[in-house]
C-alpha atoms as a PDB file:
ATOM      1  CA  MET A   1       0.000   0.000   0.000  1.00  0.00           C
ATOM      2  CA  THR A   2       1.214   3.443  -0.713  1.00  0.00           C
ATOM      3  CA  ASP A   3       1.841   6.387   1.541  1.00  0.00           C
ATOM      4  CA  GLY A   4      -0.187   9.443   0.819  1.00  0.00           C
ATOM      5  CA  SER A   5      -0.734  12.753   2.457  1.00  0.00           C
ATOM      6  CA  GLU A   6      -3.426  14.915   3.877  1.00  0.00           C
ATOM      7  CA  GLY A   7      -2.403  18.455   4.547  1.00  0.00           C
ATOM      8  CA  GLY A   8       1.187  17.627   3.611  1.00  0.00           C
ATOM      9  CA  ASP A   9       1.635  14.852   6.176  1.00  0.00           C
ATOM     10  CA  GLU A  10       3.738  12.262   4.348  1.00  0.00           C
ATOM     11  CA  ALA A  11       3.157   9.651   7.082  1.00  0.00           C
ATOM     12  CA  THR A  12      -0.597   9.410   6.467  1.00  0.00           C
ATOM     13  CA  PRO A  13      -1.622   6.510   4.202  1.00  0.00           C
ATOM     14  CA  ALA A  14      -3.668   7.871   1.306  1.00  0.00           C
ATOM     15  CA  HIS A  15      -6.360   5.220   1.390  1.00  0.00           C
ATOM     16  CA  LEU A  16      -7.364   6.184   4.922  1.00  0.00           C
ATOM     17  CA  SER A  17      -8.371   9.628   3.782  1.00  0.00           C
ATOM     18  CA  GLY A  18      -8.797   9.733   0.054  1.00  0.00           C
ATOM     19  CA  ILE A  19      -9.431   6.357  -1.580  1.00  0.00           C
ATOM     20  CA  GLU A  20     -12.847   4.792  -1.703  1.00  0.00           C
ATOM     21  CA  ALA A  21     -13.513   1.708   0.407  1.00  0.00           C
ATOM     22  CA  ASP A  22     -13.936  -0.597  -2.584  1.00  0.00           C
ATOM     23  CA  ALA A  23     -10.404   0.212  -3.729  1.00  0.00           C
ATOM     24  CA  VAL A  24      -8.778  -0.944  -0.496  1.00  0.00           C
ATOM     25  CA  GLU A  25      -6.995  -4.253  -0.814  1.00  0.00           C
ATOM     26  CA  SER A  26      -4.608  -6.202   1.358  1.00  0.00           C
ATOM     27  CA  GLY A  27      -1.955  -8.150  -0.471  1.00  0.00           C
ATOM     28  CA  ASP A  28      -3.180  -9.276  -3.857  1.00  0.00           C
ATOM     29  CA  SER A  29      -6.614 -10.670  -3.085  1.00  0.00           C
ATOM     30  CA  LEU A  30      -8.437  -9.430   0.014  1.00  0.00           C
ATOM     31  CA  ARG A  31     -10.899  -6.631  -0.683  1.00  0.00           C
ATOM     32  CA  LEU A  32     -12.481  -4.914   2.303  1.00  0.00           C
ATOM     33  CA  THR A  33     -16.176  -4.226   2.524  1.00  0.00           C
ATOM     34  CA  PRO A  34     -17.217  -0.601   3.160  1.00  0.00           C
ATOM     35  CA  GLU A  35     -17.982  -1.578   6.772  1.00  0.00           C
ATOM     36  CA  GLN A  36     -14.533  -3.115   7.231  1.00  0.00           C
ATOM     37  CA  HIS A  37     -12.872  -0.108   5.632  1.00  0.00           C
ATOM     38  CA  GLN A  38     -14.710   2.180   8.066  1.00  0.00           C
ATOM     39  CA  LYS A  39     -13.755   0.033  11.034  1.00  0.00           C
ATOM     40  CA  LEU A  40     -10.125   0.037   9.902  1.00  0.00           C
ATOM     41  CA  LYS A  41     -10.169   3.842   9.770  1.00  0.00           C
ATOM     42  CA  ASP A  42     -11.938   4.077  13.138  1.00  0.00           C
ATOM     43  CA  GLN A  43      -9.555   1.688  14.886  1.00  0.00           C
ATOM     44  CA  LEU A  44      -6.459   3.436  13.595  1.00  0.00           C
ATOM     45  CA  HIS A  45      -7.562   7.074  13.656  1.00  0.00           C
ATOM     46  CA  GLY A  46      -9.321   6.559  16.990  1.00  0.00           C
ATOM     47  CA  SER A  47      -6.063   5.652  18.706  1.00  0.00           C
ATOM     48  CA  ASP A  48      -3.842   8.217  20.410  1.00  0.00           C
ATOM     49  CA  ARG A  49      -0.894   6.076  19.332  1.00  0.00           C
ATOM     50  CA  PHE A  50      -1.751   6.643  15.670  1.00  0.00           C
ATOM     51  CA  ASP A  51      -1.553  10.411  16.136  1.00  0.00           C
ATOM     52  CA  ASP A  52       1.709  10.019  18.052  1.00  0.00           C
ATOM     53  CA  LEU A  53       3.038   7.831  15.238  1.00  0.00           C
ATOM     54  CA  ARG A  54       2.185  10.400  12.581  1.00  0.00           C
ATOM     55  CA  ARG A  55       4.018  13.157  14.456  1.00  0.00           C
ATOM     56  CA  ALA A  56       7.150  11.238  15.475  1.00  0.00           C
ATOM     57  CA  ASP A  57      10.523  11.603  13.792  1.00  0.00           C
ATOM     58  CA  ARG A  58      11.285   7.914  14.272  1.00  0.00           C
ATOM     59  CA  ARG A  59       8.424   5.436  14.035  1.00  0.00           C
ATOM     60  CA  TYR A  60       9.029   1.837  15.127  1.00  0.00           C
ATOM     61  CA  LEU A  61       6.621  -1.017  14.374  1.00  0.00           C
ATOM     62  CA  VAL A  62       7.596  -3.942  16.621  1.00  0.00           C
ATOM     63  CA  VAL A  63       6.409  -7.335  15.383  1.00  0.00           C
ATOM     64  CA  GLY A  64       6.757 -10.859  16.755  1.00  0.00           C
ATOM     65  CA  ARG A  65       5.065 -13.158  19.233  1.00  0.00           C
ATOM     66  CA  GLY A  66       2.392 -11.826  21.551  1.00  0.00           C
ATOM     67  CA  GLY A  67       1.077 -13.103  24.861  1.00  0.00           C
ATOM     68  CA  ASP A  68       1.576 -12.210  28.498  1.00  0.00           C
ATOM     69  CA  GLY A  69       4.788 -14.052  29.315  1.00  0.00           C
ATOM     70  CA  GLY A  70       8.095 -15.054  27.797  1.00  0.00           C
ATOM     71  CA  PRO A  71       8.383 -13.935  24.159  1.00  0.00           C
ATOM     72  CA  GLY A  72       5.452 -11.519  24.398  1.00  0.00           C
ATOM     73  CA  GLU A  73       6.939  -9.830  27.448  1.00  0.00           C
ATOM     74  CA  ARG A  74      10.346  -9.516  25.767  1.00  0.00           C
ATOM     75  CA  ARG A  75       8.714  -7.993  22.701  1.00  0.00           C
ATOM     76  CA  ARG A  76       6.978  -5.440  24.940  1.00  0.00           C
ATOM     77  CA  MET A  77      10.349  -4.671  26.504  1.00  0.00           C
ATOM     78  CA  VAL A  78      11.743  -3.957  23.029  1.00  0.00           C
ATOM     79  CA  ARG A  79       8.769  -1.707  22.278  1.00  0.00           C
ATOM     80  CA  ASP A  80       9.150   0.144  25.592  1.00  0.00           C
ATOM     81  CA  ARG A  81      12.890   0.636  25.135  1.00  0.00           C
ATOM     82  CA  LEU A  82      12.425   2.117  21.669  1.00  0.00           C
ATOM     83  CA  ASP A  83       9.414   4.177  22.757  1.00  0.00           C
ATOM     84  CA  ARG A  84      11.464   5.948  25.458  1.00  0.00           C
ATOM     85  CA  ARG A  85      13.761   7.522  22.878  1.00  0.00           C
ATOM     86  CA  SER A  86      13.448  11.231  22.248  1.00  0.00           C
ATOM     87  CA  GLY A  87      11.319  12.021  19.197  1.00  0.00           C
ATOM     88  CA  ALA A  88      10.365   8.364  18.755  1.00  0.00           C
ATOM     89  CA  VAL A  89       7.214   6.272  19.018  1.00  0.00           C
ATOM     90  CA  ALA A  90       7.156   2.475  19.053  1.00  0.00           C
ATOM     91  CA  VAL A  91       3.950   0.484  18.604  1.00  0.00           C
ATOM     92  CA  ARG A  92       2.678  -3.052  18.268  1.00  0.00           C
ATOM     93  CA  LEU A  93      -0.336  -3.892  16.125  1.00  0.00           C
ATOM     94  CA  GLU A  94      -2.207  -4.982  19.247  1.00  0.00           C
ATOM     95  CA  ALA A  95      -2.213  -1.388  20.499  1.00  0.00           C
ATOM     96  CA  PHE A  96      -4.956  -0.514  18.019  1.00  0.00           C
ATOM     97  CA  GLY A  97      -7.608  -2.787  19.487  1.00  0.00           C
ATOM     98  CA  PHE A  98      -8.041  -5.329  16.707  1.00  0.00           C
ATOM     99  CA  THR A  99      -9.466  -8.582  18.072  1.00  0.00           C
ATOM    100  CA  GLY A 100      -9.676 -12.141  16.796  1.00  0.00           C
ATOM    101  CA  GLU A 101     -13.002 -11.222  15.209  1.00  0.00           C
ATOM    102  CA  ASP A 102     -11.198  -8.619  13.080  1.00  0.00           C
ATOM    103  CA  ILE A 103      -8.854 -11.095  11.412  1.00  0.00           C
ATOM    104  CA  ASP A 104      -9.558  -9.626   7.953  1.00  0.00           C
ATOM    105  CA  LEU A 105      -8.325  -6.242   9.183  1.00  0.00           C
ATOM    106  CA  TRP A 106      -5.007  -7.397  10.630  1.00  0.00           C
ATOM    107  CA  ALA A 107      -3.207  -7.616   7.283  1.00  0.00           C
ATOM    108  CA  PRO A 108      -4.279  -4.194   5.949  1.00  0.00           C
ATOM    109  CA  ALA A 109      -3.590  -2.597   9.345  1.00  0.00           C
ATOM    110  CA  PHE A 110      -0.153  -4.204   9.346  1.00  0.00           C
ATOM    111  CA  ASP A 111       0.492  -2.901   5.827  1.00  0.00           C
ATOM    112  CA  ILE A 112      -0.527   0.625   6.810  1.00  0.00           C
ATOM    113  CA  LEU A 113       1.613   0.687   9.945  1.00  0.00           C
ATOM    114  CA  ALA A 114       4.604  -0.891   8.151  1.00  0.00           C
ATOM    115  CA  ALA A 115       4.335   1.793   5.458  1.00  0.00           C
ATOM    116  CA  MET A 116       4.289   4.523   8.103  1.00  0.00           C
ATOM    117  CA  ALA A 117       7.203   3.074  10.071  1.00  0.00           C
ATOM    118  CA  THR A 118      10.742   4.338   9.685  1.00  0.00           C
ATOM    119  CA  HIS A 119      11.833   1.051  11.312  1.00  0.00           C
ATOM    120  CA  VAL A 120      10.080  -2.318  11.230  1.00  0.00           C
ATOM    121  CA  VAL A 121      11.604  -4.344  14.072  1.00  0.00           C
ATOM    122  CA  GLY A 122      11.017  -8.098  14.173  1.00  0.00           C
ATOM    123  CA  VAL A 123      11.652  -9.856  17.499  1.00  0.00           C
ATOM    124  CA  LEU A 124      12.120 -13.537  16.675  1.00  0.00           C
ATOM    125  CA  GLU A 125      12.572 -16.409  19.098  1.00  0.00           C
ATOM    126  CA  ASP A 126      10.934 -19.270  17.224  1.00  0.00           C
ATOM    127  CA  PHE A 127       8.236 -20.052  14.687  1.00  0.00           C
ATOM    128  CA  ASP A 128       5.608 -21.045  17.273  1.00  0.00           C
ATOM    129  CA  GLY A 129       2.743 -18.625  16.927  1.00  0.00           C
ATOM    130  CA  GLY A 130       0.567 -16.466  14.741  1.00  0.00           C
ATOM    131  CA  HIS A 131       3.386 -13.991  14.162  1.00  0.00           C
ATOM    132  CA  VAL A 132       4.679 -16.316  11.446  1.00  0.00           C
ATOM    133  CA  TRP A 133       2.188 -14.731   9.035  1.00  0.00           C
ATOM    134  CA  GLU A 134       3.967 -11.401   9.647  1.00  0.00           C
ATOM    135  CA  LEU A 135       7.125 -13.001   8.271  1.00  0.00           C
ATOM    136  CA  GLY A 136       5.128 -13.942   5.195  1.00  0.00           C
ATOM    137  CA  VAL A 137       3.827 -10.398   4.775  1.00  0.00           C
ATOM    138  CA  LEU A 138       7.291  -8.951   5.276  1.00  0.00           C
ATOM    139  CA  TYR A 139       8.685 -11.494   2.809  1.00  0.00           C
ATOM    140  CA  HIS A 140       6.049 -10.503   0.254  1.00  0.00           C
ATOM    141  CA  ARG A 141       6.806  -6.820   0.881  1.00  0.00           C
ATOM    142  CA  GLN A 142      10.564  -7.170   1.330  1.00  0.00           C
ATOM    143  CA  VAL A 143      11.410  -4.661  -1.416  1.00  0.00           C
ATOM    144  CA  HIS A 144       9.167  -2.113   0.309  1.00  0.00           C
ATOM    145  CA  VAL A 145      10.601  -2.694   3.792  1.00  0.00           C
ATOM    146  CA  ARG A 146      14.194  -3.510   2.824  1.00  0.00           C
ATOM    147  CA  ASP A 147      15.636  -0.245   4.105  1.00  0.00           C
ATOM    148  CA  SER A 148      13.550  -0.144   7.281  1.00  0.00           C
ATOM    149  CA  LEU A 149      13.701  -3.774   8.430  1.00  0.00           C
ATOM    150  CA  TRP A 150      15.654  -4.811  11.531  1.00  0.00           C
ATOM    151  CA  LEU A 151      15.566  -8.395  12.813  1.00  0.00           C
ATOM    152  CA  LEU A 152      16.363  -9.287  16.419  1.00  0.00           C
ATOM    153  CA  LYS A 153      16.894 -13.032  16.140  1.00  0.00           C
ATOM    154  CA  ARG A 154      17.351 -15.230  19.180  1.00  0.00           C
ATOM    155  CA  VAL A 155      20.062 -17.852  18.801  1.00  0.00           C
ATOM    156  CA  TYR A 156      20.418 -21.000  20.880  1.00  0.00           C
ATOM    157  CA  GLY A 157      23.474 -22.905  22.040  1.00  0.00           C
ATOM    158  CA  THR A 158      23.216 -25.973  19.824  1.00  0.00           C
ATOM    159  CA  ALA A 159      22.149 -26.848  16.300  1.00  0.00           C
ATOM    160  CA  ALA A 160      19.496 -29.155  17.756  1.00  0.00           C
ATOM    161  CA  ALA A 161      18.017 -26.324  19.828  1.00  0.00           C
ATOM    162  CA  MET A 162      18.005 -24.020  16.805  1.00  0.00           C
ATOM    163  CA  HIS A 163      16.186 -26.716  14.828  1.00  0.00           C
ATOM    164  CA  ASP A 164      13.628 -27.195  17.621  1.00  0.00           C
ATOM    165  CA  HIS A 165      12.782 -23.491  17.679  1.00  0.00           C
ATOM    166  CA  TYR A 166      12.947 -22.736  13.960  1.00  0.00           C
ATOM    167  CA  ASP A 167      11.615 -25.965  12.423  1.00  0.00           C
ATOM    168  CA  ASN A 168       9.065 -24.655   9.925  1.00  0.00           C
ATOM    169  CA  GLY A 169      10.054 -24.934   6.272  1.00  0.00           C
ATOM    170  CA  MET A 170       8.008 -22.081   4.816  1.00  0.00           C
ATOM    171  CA  ALA A 171       8.690 -19.670   7.676  1.00  0.00           C
ATOM    172  CA  ALA A 172      12.386 -20.584   7.556  1.00  0.00           C
ATOM    173  CA  SER A 173      12.563 -19.750   3.844  1.00  0.00           C
ATOM    174  CA  HIS A 174      10.825 -16.422   4.471  1.00  0.00           C
ATOM    175  CA  LEU A 175      13.205 -15.632   7.318  1.00  0.00           C
ATOM    176  CA  ALA A 176      16.222 -16.522   5.183  1.00  0.00           C
ATOM    177  CA  ALA A 177      15.028 -14.125   2.472  1.00  0.00           C
ATOM    178  CA  LEU A 178      14.430 -11.403   5.039  1.00  0.00           C
ATOM    179  CA  GLU A 179      17.868 -11.929   6.565  1.00  0.00           C
ATOM    180  CA  ARG A 180      19.431 -11.532   3.129  1.00  0.00           C
ATOM    181  CA  ALA A 181      17.437  -8.338   2.574  1.00  0.00           C
ATOM    182  CA  ALA A 182      18.314  -6.913   5.997  1.00  0.00           C
ATOM    183  CA  GLY A 183      21.998  -7.832   5.827  1.00  0.00           C
ATOM    184  CA  ASP A 184      23.845  -6.327   8.781  1.00  0.00           C
ATOM    185  CA  ARG A 185      20.525  -5.265  10.303  1.00  0.00           C
ATOM    186  CA  VAL A 186      20.053  -8.825  11.608  1.00  0.00           C
ATOM    187  CA  LEU A 187      21.116  -8.670  15.263  1.00  0.00           C
ATOM    188  CA  GLU A 188      21.462 -11.877  17.259  1.00  0.00           C
ATOM    189  CA  TRP A 189      20.729 -12.255  20.962  1.00  0.00           C
ATOM    190  CA  ARG A 190      20.685 -15.062  23.530  1.00  0.00           C
ATOM    191  CA  ASP A 191      19.182 -13.633  26.711  1.00  0.00           C
ATOM    192  CA  ARG A 192      17.432 -10.556  28.038  1.00  0.00           C
ATOM    193  CA  GLU A 193      20.646  -8.600  28.524  1.00  0.00           C
ATOM    194  CA  SER A 194      21.934  -9.270  25.009  1.00  0.00           C
ATOM    195  CA  LEU A 195      18.448  -8.405  23.675  1.00  0.00           C
ATOM    196  CA  ARG A 196      18.720  -4.991  25.357  1.00  0.00           C
ATOM    197  CA  SER A 197      22.116  -4.481  23.725  1.00  0.00           C
ATOM    198  CA  ALA A 198      20.735  -5.477  20.346  1.00  0.00           C
ATOM    199  CA  VAL A 199      17.854  -2.986  20.691  1.00  0.00           C
ATOM    200  CA  ASP A 200      20.326  -0.241  21.561  1.00  0.00           C
ATOM    201  CA  SER A 201      22.135  -0.927  18.264  1.00  0.00           C
ATOM    202  CA  ILE A 202      19.036   0.067  16.262  1.00  0.00           C
ATOM    203  CA  PRO A 203      19.199   3.749  15.254  1.00  0.00           C
END
């Protein structure tokens, strides 16, 4: 999806303000109904975080596993650490109130936020969870996000442990393509302390 502007704001996606609902698509196939298009606008524009994101100099979209403990908590730590920077805002897709009933809106919302972001930061520990589809979207959009993508990839002590955590053929191929696209913006970490250090390496 393309960035557009309203009143000169280059961070505002055009289709949220100027394109008709029947022209909104996610990927190559999903077409939103007028009701879904309106809900997408309401959920995004109705959030204080969206306004903060539009005004920020550095805009971080932090993707990866959710949940209350473990990987989800570490991803929130990454978001919080980036969000504390001067002139920066860091968000997760969950901040905009989309629920499991809004599954058709997740992909277009992700596209919009990724297009607005100056940095898309993936926090990866394994392929166990719904965040794997984000890898697929990023893979599909890798030309678009190539200059903004940072990957924080957890590494484990043995080849067997790496296989246990990253044993998913399709996701692994997507990740390999993303790692090639990101190049030296793939930062490895092993524990919470090295994750903090990796986050601090992101500009």
